[in-house]
C-alpha cells in the first residue's frame, strides 16, 4: 500500500519511456578506482551502453548506517540493469566510519561526483543529467548533496577542480535529522587538533550540519523521498518533516509514502518510482 504526494512543480507525469534506451552493448567494469585517500583506493562498479549518444548518469550510495554495507548489496542499484535502461550507472563504496570518522563517507561521495564530471566525455555522459540515489545512510548523503552541496567540506580523493553538482536525487528510507535518530550518534567527526572525537556542543553542531533538513532552501535540487510507515530503522516522521520543509521552501519534490514495506532497499517499487521521477526531471525535448 502507498500514498503519493506531489509538489506542484512536478505535477506533470512523464512516461518512463522517454528515457534513452541503450542502442549498443552494455559494458560492465568492476573495481574502478574513482579516488585515492591516504594511499587507499576508493572503488566503484560501473556499467553503460557503449554508444556515441549522450546519456544520463546515476550514482548509487549504499546504506548501512555509514559503518557497513557495500556497492553490490540490496541497498545499491544493479549497475548493469540501469545501463540497460540507458544510463551510465555507478555504484560506489566509501570509507566506513568504523575506520574513518565522519564526514569521510560524504567526502568520498563528493569525490565520486567530481570523478564522473571529470570523465563525462570519456563515457559520453551528459554532465547536466547526473542523478543520485541513496538508501538509508546513503539517502542522508545524497539528500545532503541536494540541500547543502559541498556543505563547506574539503575536497579530497582527487579531481579537485571538477564540478560537484547534480540534477536531482532519489532518497530511500533515509534519515534527515541525525540528532533525533537512535543511530545518528554514529556520525561523530574527529577533532585532529585535539586528537579526539568531537564532544558536547561541537558534536551537536556537526550532526546538525550533516542533517539535510537544516539546509533546505529554494535552491535545493529536486528530490524524490520514498519511505514506509513501518520502517523500524528510521521513523517515517523524519520523512514527513523533511517533506513539509521542502514544501515550505517551494522545492520541486515527490513523496512516495508506503504503509507496509519496512526499511526499504532498492526494490522493484523503488526502481519504478525512481525512473518515473527521473523522466520528469529530464530536459524537455522540442
Protein backbone atom coordinates (compact mmCIF):
# COMPACT_ATOMS: atom_id res chain seq x y z
CA UNK A 1 0.00 0.00 0.00
CA UNK A 2 1.15 3.53 -0.71
CA UNK A 3 0.07 7.11 -0.93
CA UNK A 4 1.78 9.67 -3.11
CA UNK A 5 2.10 13.41 -2.60
CA UNK A 6 3.34 15.51 -5.48
CA UNK A 7 4.73 19.05 -5.39
CA UNK A 8 3.12 21.47 -7.81
CA UNK A 9 6.42 21.96 -9.60
CA UNK A 10 6.45 18.26 -10.51
CA UNK A 11 2.77 17.82 -11.30
CA UNK A 12 3.14 16.54 -14.87
CA UNK A 13 3.84 12.82 -15.05
CA UNK A 14 6.21 11.98 -17.90
CA UNK A 15 6.23 8.40 -19.21
CA UNK A 16 9.31 6.43 -18.26
CA UNK A 17 9.67 5.51 -21.93
CA UNK A 18 11.06 8.98 -22.73
CA UNK A 19 14.34 7.93 -21.11
CA UNK A 20 17.02 6.84 -23.53
CA UNK A 21 17.40 3.14 -24.14
CA UNK A 22 20.75 1.56 -24.97
CA UNK A 23 21.47 1.20 -28.67
CA UNK A 24 24.77 -0.59 -28.14
CA UNK A 25 26.10 -3.46 -25.98
CA UNK A 26 26.37 -2.81 -22.27
CA UNK A 27 29.89 -2.58 -20.87
CA UNK A 28 30.39 -3.53 -17.20
CA UNK A 29 33.52 -2.80 -15.17
CA UNK A 30 34.23 -3.65 -11.54
CA UNK A 31 36.73 -2.20 -9.06
CA UNK A 32 37.05 1.11 -10.88
CA UNK A 33 39.21 3.49 -8.82
CA UNK A 34 37.37 6.80 -8.54
CA UNK A 35 39.66 8.35 -5.94
CA UNK A 36 42.54 7.81 -3.55
CA UNK A 37 42.72 8.91 0.08
CA UNK A 38 45.98 8.50 2.01
CA UNK A 39 47.08 5.83 -0.44
CA UNK A 40 43.86 3.80 -0.30
CA UNK A 41 41.69 3.34 -3.38
CA UNK A 42 38.01 4.27 -3.46
CA UNK A 43 36.21 1.69 -5.63
CA UNK A 44 33.09 1.60 -7.77
CA UNK A 45 31.33 -0.68 -10.20
CA UNK A 46 30.14 0.92 -13.42
CA UNK A 47 28.07 -0.11 -16.44
CA UNK A 48 26.98 1.80 -19.53
CA UNK A 49 25.65 1.34 -23.06
CA UNK A 50 28.69 1.71 -25.29
CA UNK A 51 27.20 4.08 -27.83
CA UNK A 52 28.06 7.57 -29.08
CA UNK A 53 24.95 9.42 -27.91
CA UNK A 54 24.94 11.45 -24.71
CA UNK A 55 23.39 9.59 -21.81
CA UNK A 56 22.19 10.42 -18.28
CA UNK A 57 24.14 9.07 -15.31
CA UNK A 58 23.19 7.77 -11.90
CA UNK A 59 25.42 7.24 -8.85
CA UNK A 60 24.20 4.81 -6.17
CA UNK A 61 25.14 5.22 -2.49
CA UNK A 62 24.58 2.20 -0.24
CA UNK A 63 23.13 2.17 3.27
CA UNK A 64 24.43 0.53 6.44
CA UNK A 65 24.45 3.38 8.98
CA UNK A 66 27.75 4.62 7.48
CA UNK A 67 29.52 1.66 9.15
CA UNK A 68 28.55 -1.32 6.96
CA UNK A 69 27.19 -2.20 3.51
CA UNK A 70 28.77 -2.17 0.08
CA UNK A 71 28.22 -1.26 -3.57
CA UNK A 72 26.61 -4.60 -4.50
CA UNK A 73 24.17 -5.21 -1.63
CA UNK A 74 20.38 -4.72 -1.63
CA UNK A 75 20.74 -1.03 -0.74
CA UNK A 76 22.50 -0.36 -4.07
CA UNK A 77 21.36 -0.36 -7.67
CA UNK A 78 22.40 -3.10 -10.06
CA UNK A 79 24.54 -1.14 -12.49
CA UNK A 80 24.01 -3.47 -15.46
CA UNK A 81 20.25 -3.14 -15.07
CA UNK A 82 20.44 0.65 -15.12
CA UNK A 83 22.75 0.55 -18.12
CA UNK A 84 20.01 -1.41 -19.89
CA UNK A 85 17.70 1.49 -19.00
CA UNK A 86 20.08 3.77 -20.93
CA UNK A 87 22.17 5.20 -18.07
CA UNK A 88 25.82 5.38 -17.20
CA UNK A 89 25.43 3.69 -13.82
CA UNK A 90 27.92 3.83 -10.97
CA UNK A 91 27.67 2.18 -7.54
CA UNK A 92 30.28 3.26 -5.02
CA UNK A 93 31.95 2.02 -1.89
CA UNK A 94 33.04 4.71 0.54
CA UNK A 95 35.10 4.81 3.71
CA UNK A 96 33.08 3.49 6.67
CA UNK A 97 33.01 5.30 9.98
CA UNK A 98 34.45 2.35 11.89
CA UNK A 99 37.81 3.12 10.31
CA UNK A 100 37.48 6.69 9.03
CA UNK A 101 35.31 9.03 11.11
CA UNK A 102 32.62 11.21 9.61
CA UNK A 103 32.45 13.11 7.34
CA UNK A 104 34.63 10.63 5.37
CA UNK A 105 31.62 8.97 3.67
CA UNK A 106 30.35 12.33 2.42
CA UNK A 107 33.81 13.37 1.24
CA UNK A 108 34.01 10.20 -0.83
CA UNK A 109 30.59 10.72 -2.40
CA UNK A 110 31.64 14.22 -3.41
CA UNK A 111 34.81 12.73 -4.91
CA UNK A 112 32.72 10.24 -6.93
CA UNK A 113 30.58 13.06 -8.34
CA UNK A 114 33.70 15.01 -9.31
CA UNK A 115 35.19 11.86 -10.90
CA UNK A 116 32.09 11.47 -13.03
CA UNK A 117 32.18 15.10 -14.15
CA UNK A 118 35.90 14.80 -14.92
CA UNK A 119 35.28 11.65 -17.02
CA UNK A 120 31.93 12.58 -18.56
CA UNK A 121 33.37 12.97 -22.05
CA UNK A 122 35.11 9.58 -21.81
CA UNK A 123 31.77 7.80 -21.35
CA UNK A 124 29.51 10.14 -23.35
CA UNK A 125 27.75 11.27 -20.18
CA UNK A 126 25.69 14.45 -20.25
CA UNK A 127 27.10 16.41 -17.27
CA UNK A 128 23.77 18.24 -16.89
CA UNK A 129 21.94 14.94 -16.31
CA UNK A 130 23.68 13.36 -13.33
CA UNK A 131 21.37 11.85 -10.70
CA UNK A 132 21.99 10.34 -7.26
CA UNK A 133 20.14 7.55 -5.48
CA UNK A 134 20.83 6.58 -1.88
CA UNK A 135 19.27 4.25 0.68
CA UNK A 136 19.12 4.87 4.47
CA UNK A 137 22.52 6.40 5.38
CA UNK A 138 23.12 6.71 1.65
CA UNK A 139 19.86 8.63 1.40
CA UNK A 140 21.08 11.07 4.03
CA UNK A 141 24.25 11.54 2.00
CA UNK A 142 22.54 12.21 -1.34
CA UNK A 143 19.97 14.45 0.35
CA UNK A 144 22.80 16.48 1.85
CA UNK A 145 24.17 16.97 -1.67
CA UNK A 146 20.72 18.13 -2.81
CA UNK A 147 20.30 20.59 0.04
CA UNK A 148 23.82 21.73 1.01
CA UNK A 149 26.02 20.86 -1.97
CA UNK A 150 29.57 20.54 -0.73
CA UNK A 151 28.48 21.80 2.71
CA UNK A 152 31.79 23.55 3.20
CA UNK A 153 33.68 20.25 3.21
CA UNK A 154 37.22 19.94 1.86
CA UNK A 155 37.87 18.26 -1.49
CA UNK A 156 39.81 15.04 -1.01
CA UNK A 157 40.43 11.98 -3.12
CA UNK A 158 41.19 13.72 -6.40
CA UNK A 159 39.57 15.71 -9.23
CA UNK A 160 39.71 18.84 -7.08
CA UNK A 161 38.92 21.18 -9.99
CA UNK A 162 35.92 19.26 -11.32
CA UNK A 163 32.28 20.15 -10.76
CA UNK A 164 30.26 18.54 -7.96
CA UNK A 165 26.69 19.41 -8.93
CA UNK A 166 23.84 17.06 -9.84
CA UNK A 167 20.42 17.44 -11.44
CA UNK A 168 18.22 15.66 -8.87
CA UNK A 169 18.32 12.95 -6.19
CA UNK A 170 16.31 9.95 -5.01
CA UNK A 171 16.31 9.29 -1.27
CA UNK A 172 15.05 5.95 0.05
CA UNK A 173 14.30 5.20 3.74
CA UNK A 174 16.71 7.95 4.75
CA UNK A 175 17.39 9.96 7.85
CA UNK A 176 17.12 13.73 7.52
CA UNK A 177 17.75 14.77 11.14
CA UNK A 178 20.66 12.99 12.82
CA UNK A 179 20.20 14.50 16.29
CA UNK A 180 16.81 12.81 16.81
CA UNK A 181 17.74 9.37 15.46
CA UNK A 182 18.91 6.48 17.62
CA UNK A 183 21.90 5.71 15.36
CA UNK A 184 22.63 9.32 14.46
CA UNK A 185 25.40 9.22 17.07
CA UNK A 186 27.47 7.12 14.66
CA UNK A 187 28.16 10.38 12.79
CA UNK A 188 30.99 11.52 15.09
CA UNK A 189 33.75 13.58 13.46
CA UNK A 190 37.30 13.54 14.79
CA UNK A 191 38.98 16.70 16.03
CA UNK A 192 42.54 16.36 14.71
CA UNK A 193 43.69 19.46 16.60
CA UNK A 194 42.56 17.95 19.91
CA UNK A 195 43.39 14.36 19.00
CA UNK A 196 39.91 13.10 19.96
CA UNK A 197 36.35 12.82 18.72
CA UNK A 198 34.09 15.84 18.76
CA UNK A 199 32.21 16.32 22.02
CA UNK A 200 29.44 18.44 23.50
CA UNK A 201 28.19 21.45 21.58
CA UNK A 202 30.73 20.96 18.81
CA UNK A 203 29.48 17.42 18.20
CA UNK A 204 25.85 18.56 18.26
CA UNK A 205 26.66 21.26 15.72
CA UNK A 206 28.41 18.75 13.44
CA UNK A 207 25.40 16.44 13.46
CA UNK A 208 23.03 19.31 12.77
CA UNK A 209 25.25 20.36 9.87
CA UNK A 210 25.06 16.81 8.47
CA UNK A 211 21.24 16.81 8.69
CA UNK A 212 19.70 17.62 5.28
CA UNK A 213 16.57 19.14 6.82
CA UNK A 214 18.67 22.02 8.14
CA UNK A 215 19.85 23.07 4.67
CA UNK A 216 16.61 23.13 2.69
CA UNK A 217 16.23 26.31 0.64
CA UNK A 218 14.67 27.41 -2.66
CA UNK A 219 17.92 26.31 -4.38
CA UNK A 220 17.62 22.70 -3.17
CA UNK A 221 17.75 20.23 -6.04
CA UNK A 222 14.58 18.31 -6.95
CA UNK A 223 14.20 15.28 -4.72
CA UNK A 224 12.17 12.09 -4.58
CA UNK A 225 11.51 10.94 -1.00
CA UNK A 226 10.46 7.30 -0.51
CA UNK A 227 9.57 5.93 2.93
CA UNK A 228 7.29 3.42 4.62
CA UNK A 229 5.21 3.77 7.79
CA UNK A 230 6.59 0.59 9.32
CA UNK A 231 10.27 1.46 8.90
CA UNK A 232 11.86 0.38 12.19
CA UNK A 233 15.29 1.83 11.40
CA UNK A 234 14.25 5.39 10.51
CA UNK A 235 10.86 6.62 11.77
CA UNK A 236 8.61 7.80 8.95
CA UNK A 237 8.17 11.10 10.81
CA UNK A 238 11.66 12.03 9.62
CA UNK A 239 10.47 11.82 6.00
CA UNK A 240 7.23 13.65 6.78
CA UNK A 241 9.07 16.52 8.46
CA UNK A 242 11.56 16.75 5.59
CA UNK A 243 8.77 16.84 3.01
CA UNK A 244 6.97 19.62 4.88
CA UNK A 245 10.21 21.61 4.91
CA UNK A 246 10.62 21.05 1.16
CA UNK A 247 7.05 22.24 0.60
CA UNK A 248 7.59 25.38 2.65
CA UNK A 249 10.68 26.26 0.59
CA UNK A 250 8.96 25.59 -2.73
CA UNK A 251 11.35 22.80 -3.68
CA UNK A 252 10.24 20.51 -6.55
CA UNK A 253 9.75 17.12 -4.96
CA UNK A 254 7.71 13.94 -4.89
CA UNK A 255 6.86 11.97 -1.74
CA UNK A 256 6.04 8.30 -2.22
CA UNK A 257 4.67 7.06 1.08
CA UNK A 258 4.24 3.33 1.57
CA UNK A 259 2.49 1.77 4.55
CA UNK A 260 3.88 -1.77 4.73
CA UNK A 261 7.32 -2.01 3.06
CA UNK A 262 9.59 -1.74 6.12
CA UNK A 263 13.10 -0.33 5.80
CA UNK A 264 13.13 -0.35 2.01
CA UNK A 265 16.10 -1.25 -0.14
CA UNK A 266 16.35 -0.74 -3.90
CA UNK A 267 13.25 -2.77 -4.67
CA UNK A 268 11.23 -3.00 -7.87
CA UNK A 269 8.85 -0.41 -6.40
CA UNK A 270 11.75 1.97 -5.80
CA UNK A 271 13.17 1.41 -9.28
CA UNK A 272 9.80 2.15 -10.88
CA UNK A 273 9.29 5.36 -8.88
CA UNK A 274 12.89 6.47 -9.42
CA UNK A 275 12.68 6.06 -13.19
CA UNK A 276 9.40 7.97 -13.37
CA UNK A 277 10.84 10.78 -11.25
CA UNK A 278 13.99 11.00 -13.36
CA UNK A 279 11.86 11.15 -16.50
CA UNK A 280 10.13 14.20 -15.04
CA UNK A 281 13.50 15.90 -14.47
CA UNK A 282 14.91 15.20 -17.92
CA UNK A 283 15.24 18.20 -20.27
CA UNK A 284 12.09 18.68 -22.28
CA UNK A 285 12.53 17.96 -25.98
CA UNK A 286 11.13 20.39 -28.57
